Protein backbone atom coordinates (compact mmCIF):
# COMPACT_ATOMS: atom_id res chain seq x y z
CA UNK A 1 32.27 -20.74 38.58
CA UNK A 2 31.93 -21.55 42.66
CA UNK A 3 28.13 -19.90 42.96
CA UNK A 4 27.26 -22.63 40.14
CA UNK A 5 28.63 -25.78 41.40
CA UNK A 6 27.78 -25.14 44.44
CA UNK A 7 24.04 -26.10 44.14
CA UNK A 8 25.69 -29.20 40.93
CA UNK A 9 26.22 -32.22 42.71
CA UNK A 10 27.77 -35.59 40.51
CA UNK A 11 24.72 -37.63 40.99
CA UNK A 12 22.08 -35.18 39.88
CA UNK A 13 24.69 -34.58 36.62
CA UNK A 14 24.43 -38.24 35.77
CA UNK A 15 21.22 -38.40 36.34
CA UNK A 16 19.96 -35.26 33.66
CA UNK A 17 22.79 -36.43 31.22
CA UNK A 18 21.01 -40.26 31.24
CA UNK A 19 17.90 -38.54 30.68
CA UNK A 20 18.65 -36.96 27.85
CA UNK A 21 19.93 -39.48 26.05
CA UNK A 22 16.67 -41.97 26.79
CA UNK A 23 14.72 -38.74 25.30
CA UNK A 24 17.74 -39.12 22.13
CA UNK A 25 16.83 -42.35 21.57
CA UNK A 26 13.25 -42.30 21.79
CA UNK A 27 12.91 -39.03 19.29
CA UNK A 28 14.97 -40.89 16.89
CA UNK A 29 13.34 -44.09 17.06
CA UNK A 30 9.98 -41.55 16.68
CA UNK A 31 12.23 -40.04 13.52
CA UNK A 32 12.89 -43.63 12.41
CA UNK A 33 8.92 -44.66 12.12
CA UNK A 34 7.31 -41.44 10.90
CA UNK A 35 10.38 -41.95 7.54
CA UNK A 36 9.81 -45.84 7.35
CA UNK A 37 7.89 -45.80 4.05
CA UNK A 38 4.20 -46.88 4.63
CA UNK A 39 3.05 -50.21 2.52
CA UNK A 40 5.90 -49.91 0.84
CA UNK A 41 7.73 -53.96 1.27
CA UNK A 42 4.32 -55.23 1.96
CA UNK A 43 3.23 -58.22 0.01
CA UNK A 44 -0.15 -57.64 -2.24
CA UNK A 45 -1.44 -60.92 -3.75
CA UNK A 46 -2.28 -59.52 -6.74
CA UNK A 47 -5.27 -61.03 -8.03
CA UNK A 48 -6.84 -60.85 -4.39
CA UNK A 49 -6.74 -56.94 -5.05
CA UNK A 50 -7.95 -57.52 -9.01
CA UNK A 51 -10.42 -59.56 -7.36
CA UNK A 52 -11.75 -56.89 -4.96
CA UNK A 53 -11.54 -54.24 -7.47
CA UNK A 54 -13.84 -56.08 -9.99
CA UNK A 55 -15.97 -56.67 -7.01
CA UNK A 56 -16.20 -52.93 -6.73
CA UNK A 57 -16.77 -52.08 -10.03
CA UNK A 58 -19.97 -54.71 -10.06
CA UNK A 59 -21.51 -52.97 -6.89
CA UNK A 60 -21.12 -50.04 -8.51
CA UNK A 61 -23.00 -50.85 -11.83
CA UNK A 62 -25.30 -52.46 -9.82
CA UNK A 63 -26.30 -49.66 -8.30
CA UNK A 64 -26.19 -47.52 -10.92
CA UNK A 65 -28.83 -50.25 -13.18
CA UNK A 66 -31.16 -50.03 -9.78
CA UNK A 67 -31.20 -46.34 -10.92
CA UNK A 68 -32.33 -46.33 -13.90
CA UNK A 69 -35.85 -44.51 -13.63
CA UNK A 70 -38.04 -43.39 -16.38
CA UNK A 71 -38.12 -47.07 -18.23
CA UNK A 72 -41.75 -46.71 -17.62
CA UNK A 73 -42.47 -43.72 -19.32
CA UNK A 74 -41.72 -45.76 -22.82
CA UNK A 75 -44.59 -45.27 -25.30
CA UNK A 76 -44.61 -49.79 -26.85
CA UNK A 77 -46.11 -50.05 -29.87
CA UNK A 78 -49.55 -50.87 -30.41
CA UNK A 79 -50.50 -54.37 -31.69
CA UNK A 80 -52.03 -53.85 -35.32
CA UNK A 81 -55.75 -55.47 -35.14
CA UNK A 82 -55.93 -56.32 -38.84
CA UNK A 83 -55.14 -59.43 -39.37
CA UNK A 84 -52.40 -60.88 -41.87
CA UNK A 85 -53.75 -61.59 -45.75
CA UNK A 86 -53.27 -64.88 -46.24
CA UNK A 87 -52.19 -66.93 -48.83
CA UNK A 88 -54.38 -70.38 -50.04
CA UNK A 89 -52.78 -73.12 -49.25
CA UNK A 90 -50.87 -75.75 -51.36
CA UNK A 91 -51.89 -79.10 -52.29
CA UNK A 92 -49.43 -81.83 -51.41
CA UNK A 93 -49.85 -83.01 -54.89
CA UNK A 94 -49.10 -79.16 -56.01
CA UNK A 95 -45.78 -79.26 -53.63
CA UNK A 96 -44.85 -82.53 -54.52
CA UNK A 97 -44.31 -81.52 -58.11
CA UNK A 98 -42.73 -78.40 -57.31
CA UNK A 99 -40.28 -80.23 -55.41
CA UNK A 100 -40.13 -83.03 -58.55
CA UNK A 101 -39.60 -80.01 -61.17
CA UNK A 102 -36.89 -78.52 -59.34
CA UNK A 103 -34.78 -81.70 -58.79
CA UNK A 104 -35.09 -82.76 -62.68
CA UNK A 105 -34.15 -79.14 -63.42
CA UNK A 106 -30.80 -79.83 -60.72
CA UNK A 107 -30.31 -82.92 -62.67
CA UNK A 108 -30.03 -82.37 -66.12
CA UNK A 109 -27.88 -79.36 -65.08
CA UNK A 110 -25.15 -81.74 -64.05
């Protein structure tokens, strides 16, 4: 024991113990930071998060709509070349007579 104690003095031992204590405190701080849950306890505004989500979804939708291809290849129907049959136009007097007949029939029914 005497040989082991010859190379040591109390100041060196105190310095060594202080270094060990300091390193233990640093290790404890690191351990505390690592074990702390990330993001928990932070307050988030739900409206802001929903607005951001909607914005991202709209960007994705816009991107998908711009990438649609093949619309140029869709065949469109041709315009008919024949004209529609025409009905002979009723004269104003005939229309008035028809309206009066409908009105008389309604009045008779009530």
